Amino acid sequence: MQMNRMFDEKEAGEYLGCSVAALQKWRLLGKGPAYVKVGRLVRYREADLVAFLDANCVQPTQEVR
């Protein structure tokens, strides 16, 4: 897997399963995956998208009886 691929907002949203608007809101709030600004362009590195998914992985807890 090539982990240095760059995604635009639409591609990043598709990768994460969210909308471009969600990515934009997360950037405004200082949340969401790390991104790179290239002039006015916003790009996401694949490694940062994977790290974001890993950081937000929730492990199920065992039910207490």
C-alpha atoms as a PDB file:
ATOM      1  CA  MET A   1       0.000   0.000   0.000  1.00  0.00           C
ATOM      2  CA  GLN A   2       1.345   3.410  -0.954  1.00  0.00           C
ATOM      3  CA  MET A   3       0.944   5.538   2.173  1.00  0.00           C
ATOM      4  CA  ASN A   4       2.152   8.855   0.719  1.00  0.00           C
ATOM      5  CA  ARG A   5      -0.796   9.323  -1.635  1.00  0.00           C
ATOM      6  CA  MET A   6      -2.534  12.692  -1.378  1.00  0.00           C
ATOM      7  CA  PHE A   7      -6.335  13.033  -1.433  1.00  0.00           C
ATOM      8  CA  ASP A   8      -8.433  16.097  -2.182  1.00  0.00           C
ATOM      9  CA  GLU A   9     -11.451  16.815   0.024  1.00  0.00           C
ATOM     10  CA  LYS A  10     -13.865  14.751  -2.047  1.00  0.00           C
ATOM     11  CA  GLU A  11     -11.558  11.738  -2.163  1.00  0.00           C
ATOM     12  CA  ALA A  12     -10.796  12.025   1.559  1.00  0.00           C
ATOM     13  CA  GLY A  13     -14.507  12.156   2.339  1.00  0.00           C
ATOM     14  CA  GLU A  14     -15.120   9.048   0.262  1.00  0.00           C
ATOM     15  CA  TYR A  15     -12.197   7.289   1.970  1.00  0.00           C
ATOM     16  CA  LEU A  16     -13.576   8.123   5.433  1.00  0.00           C
ATOM     17  CA  GLY A  17     -17.244   7.721   4.504  1.00  0.00           C
ATOM     18  CA  CYS A  18     -18.152  11.320   5.332  1.00  0.00           C
ATOM     19  CA  SER A  19     -19.085  14.455   3.432  1.00  0.00           C
ATOM     20  CA  VAL A  20     -16.815  17.278   2.305  1.00  0.00           C
ATOM     21  CA  ALA A  21     -18.889  19.542   4.574  1.00  0.00           C
ATOM     22  CA  ALA A  22     -18.009  17.343   7.571  1.00  0.00           C
ATOM     23  CA  LEU A  23     -14.288  17.613   6.756  1.00  0.00           C
ATOM     24  CA  GLN A  24     -14.609  21.388   6.421  1.00  0.00           C
ATOM     25  CA  LYS A  25     -16.449  21.661   9.743  1.00  0.00           C
ATOM     26  CA  TRP A  26     -13.870  19.484  11.487  1.00  0.00           C
ATOM     27  CA  ARG A  27     -11.074  21.726  10.167  1.00  0.00           C
ATOM     28  CA  LEU A  28     -12.906  24.802  11.451  1.00  0.00           C
ATOM     29  CA  LEU A  29     -13.288  23.180  14.884  1.00  0.00           C
ATOM     30  CA  GLY A  30      -9.706  21.871  14.957  1.00  0.00           C
ATOM     31  CA  LYS A  31     -10.884  18.246  14.824  1.00  0.00           C
ATOM     32  CA  GLY A  32     -10.657  15.585  12.172  1.00  0.00           C
ATOM     33  CA  PRO A  33      -7.659  14.220  10.331  1.00  0.00           C
ATOM     34  CA  ALA A  34      -4.434  16.167   9.833  1.00  0.00           C
ATOM     35  CA  TYR A  35      -4.278  17.981   6.521  1.00  0.00           C
ATOM     36  CA  VAL A  36      -1.811  19.831   4.330  1.00  0.00           C
ATOM     37  CA  LYS A  37      -2.380  23.311   2.893  1.00  0.00           C
ATOM     38  CA  VAL A  38      -0.826  23.837  -0.540  1.00  0.00           C
ATOM     39  CA  GLY A  39      -1.604  27.464  -1.224  1.00  0.00           C
ATOM     40  CA  ARG A  40      -5.402  27.550  -1.039  1.00  0.00           C
ATOM     41  CA  LEU A  41      -5.726  23.823  -1.653  1.00  0.00           C
ATOM     42  CA  VAL A  42      -6.404  21.348   1.149  1.00  0.00           C
ATOM     43  CA  ARG A  43      -4.930  17.879   0.799  1.00  0.00           C
ATOM     44  CA  TYR A  44      -4.967  14.830   3.036  1.00  0.00           C
ATOM     45  CA  ARG A  45      -2.178  12.262   3.221  1.00  0.00           C
ATOM     46  CA  GLU A  46      -3.379   8.677   3.236  1.00  0.00           C
ATOM     47  CA  ALA A  47      -1.265   7.949   6.314  1.00  0.00           C
ATOM     48  CA  ASP A  48      -3.072  10.763   8.185  1.00  0.00           C
ATOM     49  CA  LEU A  49      -6.480   9.395   7.187  1.00  0.00           C
ATOM     50  CA  VAL A  50      -5.494   5.921   8.412  1.00  0.00           C
ATOM     51  CA  ALA A  51      -4.155   7.426  11.661  1.00  0.00           C
ATOM     52  CA  PHE A  52      -7.436   9.323  12.143  1.00  0.00           C
ATOM     53  CA  LEU A  53      -9.449   6.135  11.678  1.00  0.00           C
ATOM     54  CA  ASP A  54      -7.176   4.228  14.063  1.00  0.00           C
ATOM     55  CA  ALA A  55      -7.416   6.979  16.693  1.00  0.00           C
ATOM     56  CA  ASN A  56     -11.217   6.867  16.525  1.00  0.00           C
ATOM     57  CA  CYS A  57     -11.553   3.093  16.664  1.00  0.00           C
ATOM     58  CA  VAL A  58     -13.808   2.119  19.570  1.00  0.00           C
ATOM     59  CA  GLN A  59     -13.333  -1.305  21.123  1.00  0.00           C
ATOM     60  CA  PRO A  60     -16.498  -2.947  22.375  1.00  0.00           C
ATOM     61  CA  THR A  61     -16.630  -3.551  26.090  1.00  0.00           C
ATOM     62  CA  GLN A  62     -17.700  -6.798  27.644  1.00  0.00           C
ATOM     63  CA  GLU A  63     -21.207  -6.786  29.059  1.00  0.00           C
ATOM     64  CA  VAL A  64     -21.289  -6.892  32.858  1.00  0.00           C
ATOM     65  CA  ARG A  65     -23.703  -9.445  34.339  1.00  0.00           C
END
